[in-house]
Amino acid sequence: MDERDVRLLKAISDLGTGSPEALHEETDIPVSTIHYRLNNLREAGVIENDLYDLDHEKLGLGVTVIVEVLADYEGSYEEFAEELMAVEGVTQTFFTMGETDFIVLARLPSSDAVERLIGDFEAIPEVERTNSTFVIATAQDEPRAPATYDLESLVAALTD
């Protein structure tokens, strides 16, 4: 990646769009160059999709629960993580070091759904125990990491 790629990715993160016209207005990079670079970034796997972000609260999935999962499993953590990710409502799963094996984030429609979620985890034989935390308020939930950096920091860290 070079500086133009990083500038484009930062603009996508800041604006929440991949619109070449909007990116041109933000970066002054020509639209034809933006098309070319976006295609290259997709082919390289840096850009994974063109999905719209959703407001989970307005959608009706406003209850966020963070669950620590302690487990005793055989095989790879990826295989076990697939079982956790199959639980309805799970949006993110992290394999961690320390006492906790996995941290799972779930978006649910109501507090009643938390009981179902924990029951689903506890029904997995390898799960020894869980520790759940209700999120009272979201201080920040930025799905695009580059939006949390200054452009100069990104250019310094990510360019060849």
N, C-alpha and C. Protein backbone atom coordinates (compact mmCIF):
# COMPACT_ATOMS: atom_id res chain seq x y z
N MET A 1 0.85 -1.18 0.00
CA MET A 1 0.00 0.00 0.00
C MET A 1 0.89 1.24 0.00
N ASP A 2 0.40 2.24 -0.66
CA ASP A 2 1.11 3.51 -0.64
C ASP A 2 0.22 4.56 0.03
N GLU A 3 0.70 5.80 0.04
CA GLU A 3 -0.01 6.87 0.74
C GLU A 3 -1.41 7.09 0.16
N ARG A 4 -1.57 7.01 -1.16
CA ARG A 4 -2.91 7.21 -1.74
C ARG A 4 -3.90 6.15 -1.26
N ASP A 5 -3.44 4.88 -1.19
CA ASP A 5 -4.31 3.82 -0.69
C ASP A 5 -4.74 4.11 0.74
N VAL A 6 -3.79 4.51 1.56
CA VAL A 6 -4.10 4.81 2.96
C VAL A 6 -5.06 5.99 3.06
N ARG A 7 -4.84 7.02 2.26
CA ARG A 7 -5.75 8.18 2.25
C ARG A 7 -7.16 7.74 1.86
N LEU A 8 -7.27 6.85 0.87
CA LEU A 8 -8.60 6.36 0.46
C LEU A 8 -9.26 5.57 1.59
N LEU A 9 -8.51 4.68 2.22
CA LEU A 9 -9.08 3.87 3.30
C LEU A 9 -9.50 4.74 4.48
N LYS A 10 -8.70 5.74 4.79
CA LYS A 10 -9.06 6.67 5.86
C LYS A 10 -10.34 7.43 5.50
N ALA A 11 -10.45 7.89 4.25
CA ALA A 11 -11.65 8.62 3.81
C ALA A 11 -12.88 7.71 3.85
N ILE A 12 -12.73 6.47 3.42
CA ILE A 12 -13.85 5.51 3.49
C ILE A 12 -14.30 5.36 4.94
N SER A 13 -13.34 5.23 5.85
CA SER A 13 -13.67 5.07 7.27
C SER A 13 -14.33 6.31 7.84
N ASP A 14 -13.83 7.47 7.49
CA ASP A 14 -14.39 8.72 8.01
C ASP A 14 -15.77 9.01 7.45
N LEU A 15 -15.95 8.77 6.15
CA LEU A 15 -17.21 9.11 5.49
C LEU A 15 -18.26 8.01 5.58
N GLY A 16 -17.83 6.78 5.78
CA GLY A 16 -18.76 5.65 5.81
C GLY A 16 -19.29 5.29 4.44
N THR A 17 -18.53 5.60 3.40
CA THR A 17 -18.97 5.29 2.04
C THR A 17 -17.76 4.98 1.16
N GLY A 18 -18.00 4.21 0.13
CA GLY A 18 -16.99 3.94 -0.87
C GLY A 18 -17.31 4.64 -2.17
N SER A 19 -18.19 5.61 -2.13
CA SER A 19 -18.58 6.35 -3.33
C SER A 19 -17.36 7.06 -3.91
N PRO A 20 -16.97 6.72 -5.14
CA PRO A 20 -15.81 7.39 -5.74
C PRO A 20 -15.94 8.91 -5.78
N GLU A 21 -17.15 9.40 -6.00
CA GLU A 21 -17.35 10.85 -6.06
C GLU A 21 -17.11 11.48 -4.69
N ALA A 22 -17.65 10.87 -3.64
CA ALA A 22 -17.44 11.39 -2.28
C ALA A 22 -15.97 11.28 -1.89
N LEU A 23 -15.33 10.19 -2.28
CA LEU A 23 -13.91 10.01 -1.96
C LEU A 23 -13.05 11.03 -2.70
N HIS A 24 -13.43 11.35 -3.93
CA HIS A 24 -12.71 12.37 -4.69
C HIS A 24 -12.81 13.73 -3.99
N GLU A 25 -14.02 14.07 -3.53
CA GLU A 25 -14.21 15.34 -2.83
C GLU A 25 -13.37 15.41 -1.56
N GLU A 26 -13.22 14.28 -0.88
CA GLU A 26 -12.49 14.24 0.38
C GLU A 26 -10.97 14.23 0.17
N THR A 27 -10.50 13.55 -0.91
CA THR A 27 -9.06 13.31 -1.06
C THR A 27 -8.42 14.05 -2.24
N ASP A 28 -9.24 14.56 -3.15
CA ASP A 28 -8.74 15.17 -4.40
C ASP A 28 -8.04 14.16 -5.32
N ILE A 29 -8.21 12.89 -5.06
CA ILE A 29 -7.68 11.86 -5.96
C ILE A 29 -8.68 11.72 -7.10
N PRO A 30 -8.22 11.67 -8.36
CA PRO A 30 -9.14 11.55 -9.50
C PRO A 30 -10.04 10.33 -9.39
N VAL A 31 -11.30 10.47 -9.82
CA VAL A 31 -12.29 9.39 -9.72
C VAL A 31 -11.80 8.12 -10.42
N SER A 32 -11.19 8.26 -11.60
CA SER A 32 -10.71 7.07 -12.32
C SER A 32 -9.62 6.35 -11.52
N THR A 33 -8.77 7.10 -10.84
CA THR A 33 -7.73 6.50 -9.99
C THR A 33 -8.36 5.82 -8.78
N ILE A 34 -9.41 6.43 -8.24
CA ILE A 34 -10.11 5.83 -7.10
C ILE A 34 -10.70 4.49 -7.50
N HIS A 35 -11.37 4.41 -8.66
CA HIS A 35 -11.93 3.14 -9.13
C HIS A 35 -10.83 2.08 -9.21
N TYR A 36 -9.71 2.43 -9.83
CA TYR A 36 -8.59 1.51 -10.02
C TYR A 36 -8.06 1.03 -8.67
N ARG A 37 -7.84 1.96 -7.76
CA ARG A 37 -7.27 1.61 -6.45
C ARG A 37 -8.26 0.80 -5.60
N LEU A 38 -9.54 1.14 -5.65
CA LEU A 38 -10.53 0.35 -4.90
C LEU A 38 -10.57 -1.09 -5.41
N ASN A 39 -10.51 -1.26 -6.72
CA ASN A 39 -10.48 -2.62 -7.28
C ASN A 39 -9.25 -3.38 -6.80
N ASN A 40 -8.09 -2.72 -6.80
CA ASN A 40 -6.86 -3.36 -6.32
C ASN A 40 -6.96 -3.73 -4.84
N LEU A 41 -7.54 -2.84 -4.04
CA LEU A 41 -7.69 -3.11 -2.61
C LEU A 41 -8.68 -4.25 -2.37
N ARG A 42 -9.71 -4.37 -3.20
CA ARG A 42 -10.63 -5.51 -3.09
C ARG A 42 -9.91 -6.81 -3.45
N GLU A 43 -9.16 -6.79 -4.56
CA GLU A 43 -8.43 -7.99 -4.99
C GLU A 43 -7.41 -8.42 -3.95
N ALA A 44 -6.80 -7.47 -3.26
CA ALA A 44 -5.82 -7.78 -2.22
C ALA A 44 -6.48 -8.25 -0.92
N GLY A 45 -7.81 -8.12 -0.83
CA GLY A 45 -8.54 -8.54 0.37
C GLY A 45 -8.57 -7.49 1.47
N VAL A 46 -8.05 -6.30 1.21
CA VAL A 46 -8.08 -5.23 2.21
C VAL A 46 -9.51 -4.74 2.39
N ILE A 47 -10.22 -4.55 1.29
CA ILE A 47 -11.65 -4.20 1.34
C ILE A 47 -12.41 -5.50 1.15
N GLU A 48 -13.22 -5.85 2.14
CA GLU A 48 -13.91 -7.13 2.12
C GLU A 48 -15.30 -7.07 1.53
N ASN A 49 -15.99 -5.94 1.67
CA ASN A 49 -17.37 -5.88 1.20
C ASN A 49 -17.82 -4.43 1.06
N ASP A 50 -19.02 -4.26 0.57
CA ASP A 50 -19.62 -2.94 0.40
C ASP A 50 -20.91 -2.84 1.21
N LEU A 51 -20.92 -3.42 2.41
CA LEU A 51 -22.14 -3.44 3.21
C LEU A 51 -22.43 -2.09 3.83
N TYR A 52 -23.71 -1.85 4.07
CA TYR A 52 -24.13 -0.65 4.79
C TYR A 52 -24.04 -0.92 6.28
N ASP A 53 -23.63 0.07 7.05
CA ASP A 53 -23.64 -0.05 8.49
C ASP A 53 -25.07 0.13 8.98
N LEU A 54 -25.40 -0.56 10.06
CA LEU A 54 -26.75 -0.50 10.61
C LEU A 54 -26.71 0.08 12.02
N ASP A 55 -27.74 0.80 12.39
CA ASP A 55 -27.92 1.26 13.75
C ASP A 55 -28.65 0.14 14.49
N HIS A 56 -27.93 -0.60 15.32
CA HIS A 56 -28.52 -1.77 15.98
C HIS A 56 -29.68 -1.40 16.88
N GLU A 57 -29.60 -0.25 17.53
CA GLU A 57 -30.68 0.21 18.41
C GLU A 57 -31.96 0.41 17.61
N LYS A 58 -31.88 1.17 16.52
CA LYS A 58 -33.05 1.44 15.69
C LYS A 58 -33.56 0.19 15.00
N LEU A 59 -32.65 -0.74 14.71
CA LEU A 59 -33.04 -2.01 14.09
C LEU A 59 -33.83 -2.89 15.04
N GLY A 60 -33.61 -2.70 16.33
CA GLY A 60 -34.30 -3.53 17.32
C GLY A 60 -33.37 -4.52 17.99
N LEU A 61 -32.06 -4.38 17.77
CA LEU A 61 -31.08 -5.25 18.41
C LEU A 61 -30.20 -4.40 19.33
N GLY A 62 -30.85 -3.69 20.25
CA GLY A 62 -30.16 -2.70 21.07
C GLY A 62 -29.56 -3.20 22.36
N VAL A 63 -29.76 -4.47 22.69
CA VAL A 63 -29.16 -5.02 23.91
C VAL A 63 -27.82 -5.65 23.52
N THR A 64 -26.74 -5.08 24.05
CA THR A 64 -25.41 -5.61 23.77
C THR A 64 -24.90 -6.33 25.00
N VAL A 65 -24.40 -7.54 24.80
CA VAL A 65 -23.87 -8.35 25.88
C VAL A 65 -22.46 -8.79 25.50
N ILE A 66 -21.56 -8.66 26.46
CA ILE A 66 -20.20 -9.15 26.29
C ILE A 66 -20.08 -10.39 27.18
N VAL A 67 -19.68 -11.51 26.58
CA VAL A 67 -19.64 -12.77 27.31
C VAL A 67 -18.21 -13.32 27.29
N GLU A 68 -17.69 -13.59 28.47
CA GLU A 68 -16.42 -14.31 28.58
C GLU A 68 -16.76 -15.79 28.62
N VAL A 69 -16.08 -16.57 27.80
CA VAL A 69 -16.32 -18.00 27.74
C VAL A 69 -15.06 -18.74 28.16
N LEU A 70 -15.19 -19.55 29.19
CA LEU A 70 -14.10 -20.43 29.61
C LEU A 70 -14.47 -21.83 29.17
N ALA A 71 -13.57 -22.48 28.45
CA ALA A 71 -13.91 -23.75 27.83
C ALA A 71 -12.76 -24.74 27.93
N ASP A 72 -13.10 -26.00 27.85
CA ASP A 72 -12.13 -27.09 27.78
C ASP A 72 -12.46 -27.86 26.52
N TYR A 73 -11.72 -27.58 25.45
CA TYR A 73 -12.03 -28.17 24.16
C TYR A 73 -10.78 -28.81 23.58
N GLU A 74 -11.00 -29.78 22.70
CA GLU A 74 -9.90 -30.41 21.98
C GLU A 74 -9.95 -29.93 20.54
N GLY A 75 -8.83 -29.96 19.87
CA GLY A 75 -8.80 -29.48 18.50
C GLY A 75 -8.44 -28.01 18.46
N SER A 76 -8.65 -27.43 17.31
CA SER A 76 -8.24 -26.04 17.12
C SER A 76 -9.27 -25.07 17.72
N TYR A 77 -8.77 -23.90 18.08
CA TYR A 77 -9.67 -22.88 18.61
C TYR A 77 -10.64 -22.42 17.52
N GLU A 78 -10.22 -22.48 16.24
CA GLU A 78 -11.10 -22.07 15.15
C GLU A 78 -12.35 -22.95 15.08
N GLU A 79 -12.16 -24.26 15.27
CA GLU A 79 -13.31 -25.18 15.25
C GLU A 79 -14.27 -24.87 16.39
N PHE A 80 -13.71 -24.65 17.59
CA PHE A 80 -14.56 -24.35 18.73
C PHE A 80 -15.24 -22.99 18.56
N ALA A 81 -14.50 -22.02 18.03
CA ALA A 81 -15.07 -20.69 17.80
C ALA A 81 -16.27 -20.77 16.86
N GLU A 82 -16.24 -21.68 15.91
CA GLU A 82 -17.38 -21.83 15.00
C GLU A 82 -18.64 -22.21 15.76
N GLU A 83 -18.49 -23.04 16.80
CA GLU A 83 -19.66 -23.39 17.62
C GLU A 83 -20.21 -22.16 18.34
N LEU A 84 -19.31 -21.33 18.85
CA LEU A 84 -19.75 -20.11 19.53
C LEU A 84 -20.42 -19.15 18.54
N MET A 85 -19.85 -19.02 17.36
CA MET A 85 -20.38 -18.10 16.36
C MET A 85 -21.73 -18.57 15.81
N ALA A 86 -22.02 -19.85 15.97
CA ALA A 86 -23.30 -20.37 15.49
C ALA A 86 -24.47 -20.00 16.40
N VAL A 87 -24.17 -19.50 17.58
CA VAL A 87 -25.23 -19.09 18.51
C VAL A 87 -25.87 -17.81 17.99
N GLU A 88 -27.17 -17.82 17.88
CA GLU A 88 -27.92 -16.70 17.31
C GLU A 88 -27.69 -15.42 18.12
N GLY A 89 -27.33 -14.36 17.41
CA GLY A 89 -27.10 -13.06 18.03
C GLY A 89 -25.62 -12.73 18.18
N VAL A 90 -24.73 -13.71 18.07
CA VAL A 90 -23.30 -13.47 18.21
C VAL A 90 -22.80 -12.70 16.99
N THR A 91 -22.16 -11.56 17.24
CA THR A 91 -21.64 -10.76 16.14
C THR A 91 -20.13 -10.78 16.05
N GLN A 92 -19.45 -11.01 17.16
CA GLN A 92 -17.99 -11.05 17.16
C GLN A 92 -17.52 -12.08 18.17
N THR A 93 -16.44 -12.77 17.81
CA THR A 93 -15.84 -13.76 18.70
C THR A 93 -14.33 -13.57 18.67
N PHE A 94 -13.72 -13.46 19.86
CA PHE A 94 -12.28 -13.25 19.97
C PHE A 94 -11.66 -14.38 20.78
N PHE A 95 -10.62 -15.00 20.26
CA PHE A 95 -9.82 -15.98 20.99
C PHE A 95 -8.80 -15.19 21.79
N THR A 96 -8.73 -15.41 23.11
CA THR A 96 -7.90 -14.57 23.96
C THR A 96 -6.91 -15.40 24.77
N MET A 97 -5.92 -14.72 25.31
CA MET A 97 -4.97 -15.34 26.23
C MET A 97 -5.37 -14.98 27.65
N GLY A 98 -4.96 -15.81 28.60
CA GLY A 98 -5.29 -15.56 29.99
C GLY A 98 -6.34 -16.54 30.46
N GLU A 99 -7.01 -16.20 31.53
CA GLU A 99 -8.01 -17.10 32.11
C GLU A 99 -9.20 -17.32 31.17
N THR A 100 -9.59 -16.28 30.47
CA THR A 100 -10.72 -16.36 29.56
C THR A 100 -10.25 -16.87 28.20
N ASP A 101 -10.96 -17.86 27.66
CA ASP A 101 -10.59 -18.44 26.37
C ASP A 101 -11.12 -17.62 25.20
N PHE A 102 -12.37 -17.16 25.33
CA PHE A 102 -13.01 -16.40 24.26
C PHE A 102 -13.80 -15.24 24.86
N ILE A 103 -13.85 -14.16 24.12
CA ILE A 103 -14.76 -13.07 24.43
C ILE A 103 -15.71 -12.96 23.25
N VAL A 104 -16.99 -12.95 23.55
CA VAL A 104 -18.03 -12.95 22.53
C VAL A 104 -18.88 -11.71 22.71
N LEU A 105 -19.19 -11.04 21.60
CA LEU A 105 -20.10 -9.90 21.62
C LEU A 105 -21.38 -10.32 20.93
N ALA A 106 -22.50 -10.04 21.57
CA ALA A 106 -23.80 -10.39 21.00
C ALA A 106 -24.71 -9.17 20.99
N ARG A 107 -25.51 -9.05 19.94
CA ARG A 107 -26.52 -7.99 19.82
C ARG A 107 -27.87 -8.69 19.85
N LEU A 108 -28.69 -8.29 20.82
CA LEU A 108 -29.94 -9.00 21.06
C LEU A 108 -31.12 -8.04 21.07
N PRO A 109 -32.34 -8.59 20.83
CA PRO A 109 -33.52 -7.74 20.78
C PRO A 109 -34.05 -7.32 22.15
N SER A 110 -33.75 -8.11 23.20
CA SER A 110 -34.29 -7.78 24.51
C SER A 110 -33.45 -8.45 25.59
N SER A 111 -33.67 -8.03 26.82
CA SER A 111 -32.95 -8.66 27.92
C SER A 111 -33.39 -10.11 28.11
N ASP A 112 -34.61 -10.43 27.70
CA ASP A 112 -35.08 -11.82 27.77
C ASP A 112 -34.23 -12.74 26.89
N ALA A 113 -33.71 -12.20 25.79
CA ALA A 113 -32.91 -13.00 24.87
C ALA A 113 -31.55 -13.35 25.46
N VAL A 114 -31.12 -12.65 26.50
CA VAL A 114 -29.84 -12.94 27.13
C VAL A 114 -29.88 -14.33 27.76
N GLU A 115 -30.99 -14.66 28.41
CA GLU A 115 -31.13 -15.98 29.03
C GLU A 115 -31.00 -17.08 27.97
N ARG A 116 -31.62 -16.88 26.83
CA ARG A 116 -31.51 -17.85 25.74
C ARG A 116 -30.07 -17.96 25.26
N LEU A 117 -29.40 -16.81 25.10
CA LEU A 117 -28.01 -16.79 24.64
C LEU A 117 -27.11 -17.59 25.58
N ILE A 118 -27.21 -17.32 26.87
CA ILE A 118 -26.36 -18.02 27.85
C ILE A 118 -26.71 -19.50 27.87
N GLY A 119 -27.98 -19.83 27.77
CA GLY A 119 -28.39 -21.24 27.71
C GLY A 119 -27.79 -21.94 26.50
N ASP A 120 -27.75 -21.24 25.37
CA ASP A 120 -27.16 -21.82 24.16
C ASP A 120 -25.67 -22.06 24.35
N PHE A 121 -24.98 -21.12 25.00
CA PHE A 121 -23.55 -21.33 25.27
C PHE A 121 -23.35 -22.51 26.21
N GLU A 122 -24.15 -22.55 27.28
CA GLU A 122 -23.98 -23.62 28.27
C GLU A 122 -24.38 -24.99 27.73
N ALA A 123 -25.14 -25.02 26.64
CA ALA A 123 -25.49 -26.29 26.01
C ALA A 123 -24.33 -26.87 25.19
N ILE A 124 -23.32 -26.09 24.94
CA ILE A 124 -22.13 -26.58 24.24
C ILE A 124 -21.30 -27.33 25.28
N PRO A 125 -21.08 -28.63 25.09
CA PRO A 125 -20.43 -29.44 26.13
C PRO A 125 -19.06 -28.93 26.59
N GLU A 126 -18.31 -28.31 25.71
CA GLU A 126 -16.96 -27.86 26.07
C GLU A 126 -16.95 -26.59 26.92
N VAL A 127 -18.06 -25.88 26.99
CA VAL A 127 -18.12 -24.65 27.77
C VAL A 127 -18.20 -25.00 29.25
N GLU A 128 -17.18 -24.54 30.00
CA GLU A 128 -17.15 -24.79 31.44
C GLU A 128 -17.97 -23.76 32.20
N ARG A 129 -17.80 -22.46 31.80
CA ARG A 129 -18.62 -21.42 32.42
C ARG A 129 -18.55 -20.16 31.58
N THR A 130 -19.47 -19.26 31.87
CA THR A 130 -19.51 -17.97 31.18
C THR A 130 -19.59 -16.86 32.22
N ASN A 131 -19.19 -15.68 31.81
CA ASN A 131 -19.33 -14.48 32.63
C ASN A 131 -19.86 -13.41 31.69
N SER A 132 -21.06 -12.92 31.97
CA SER A 132 -21.72 -11.98 31.06
C SER A 132 -21.76 -10.57 31.63
N THR A 133 -21.61 -9.60 30.73
CA THR A 133 -21.67 -8.20 31.10
C THR A 133 -22.65 -7.49 30.17
N PHE A 134 -23.67 -6.86 30.74
CA PHE A 134 -24.59 -6.04 29.95
C PHE A 134 -23.94 -4.70 29.67
N VAL A 135 -24.06 -4.23 28.47
CA VAL A 135 -23.58 -2.90 28.13
C VAL A 135 -24.71 -1.92 28.45
N ILE A 136 -24.45 -0.97 29.32
CA ILE A 136 -25.45 0.02 29.72
C ILE A 136 -25.57 1.11 28.66
N ALA A 137 -24.43 1.62 28.21
CA ALA A 137 -24.40 2.65 27.18
C ALA A 137 -23.13 2.46 26.35
N THR A 138 -23.23 2.77 25.09
CA THR A 138 -22.08 2.65 24.20
C THR A 138 -21.38 3.99 24.12
N ALA A 139 -20.13 4.03 24.55
CA ALA A 139 -19.34 5.25 24.47
C ALA A 139 -18.76 5.41 23.07
N GLN A 140 -18.35 4.31 22.46
CA GLN A 140 -17.83 4.33 21.09
C GLN A 140 -17.98 2.94 20.50
N ASP A 141 -18.43 2.88 19.27
CA ASP A 141 -18.56 1.62 18.55
C ASP A 141 -18.20 1.90 17.10
N GLU A 142 -16.93 2.03 16.82
CA GLU A 142 -16.45 2.39 15.49
C GLU A 142 -16.04 1.12 14.74
N PRO A 143 -16.82 0.71 13.75
CA PRO A 143 -16.49 -0.52 13.02
C PRO A 143 -15.30 -0.37 12.07
N ARG A 144 -14.90 0.85 11.80
CA ARG A 144 -13.79 1.09 10.87
C ARG A 144 -12.60 1.65 11.64
N ALA A 145 -11.63 0.80 11.94
CA ALA A 145 -10.48 1.20 12.75
C ALA A 145 -9.74 2.42 12.22
N PRO A 146 -9.55 2.59 10.91
CA PRO A 146 -8.81 3.78 10.45
C PRO A 146 -9.44 5.10 10.88
N ALA A 147 -10.72 5.12 11.15
CA ALA A 147 -11.38 6.35 11.57
C ALA A 147 -10.88 6.82 12.94
N THR A 148 -10.24 5.94 13.69
CA THR A 148 -9.76 6.30 15.02
C THR A 148 -8.31 6.79 15.01
N TYR A 149 -7.73 6.91 13.83
CA TYR A 149 -6.33 7.35 13.68
C TYR A 149 -6.25 8.66 12.92
N ASP A 150 -5.18 9.40 13.15
CA ASP A 150 -4.84 10.54 12.30
C ASP A 150 -4.27 9.99 11.00
N LEU A 151 -4.50 10.68 9.89
CA LEU A 151 -3.99 10.25 8.60
C LEU A 151 -2.47 10.07 8.64
N GLU A 152 -1.76 11.00 9.27
CA GLU A 152 -0.30 10.92 9.32
C GLU A 152 0.17 9.65 10.02
N SER A 153 -0.50 9.26 11.09
CA SER A 153 -0.14 8.05 11.81
C SER A 153 -0.34 6.82 10.94
N LEU A 154 -1.46 6.79 10.21
CA LEU A 154 -1.73 5.66 9.32
C LEU A 154 -0.70 5.57 8.21
N VAL A 155 -0.40 6.69 7.59
CA VAL A 155 0.58 6.70 6.50
C VAL A 155 1.91 6.17 7.02
N ALA A 156 2.34 6.64 8.17
CA ALA A 156 3.63 6.21 8.73
C ALA A 156 3.65 4.72 9.04
N ALA A 157 2.53 4.19 9.54
CA ALA A 157 2.48 2.80 9.98
C ALA A 157 2.21 1.81 8.85
N LEU A 158 1.48 2.24 7.81
CA LEU A 158 0.97 1.28 6.84
C LEU A 158 1.60 1.33 5.45
N THR A 159 2.31 2.38 5.14
CA THR A 159 2.85 2.47 3.78
C THR A 159 4.18 1.74 3.69
N ASP A 160 4.45 1.27 2.48
CA ASP A 160 5.69 0.52 2.22
C ASP A 160 6.91 1.39 2.24
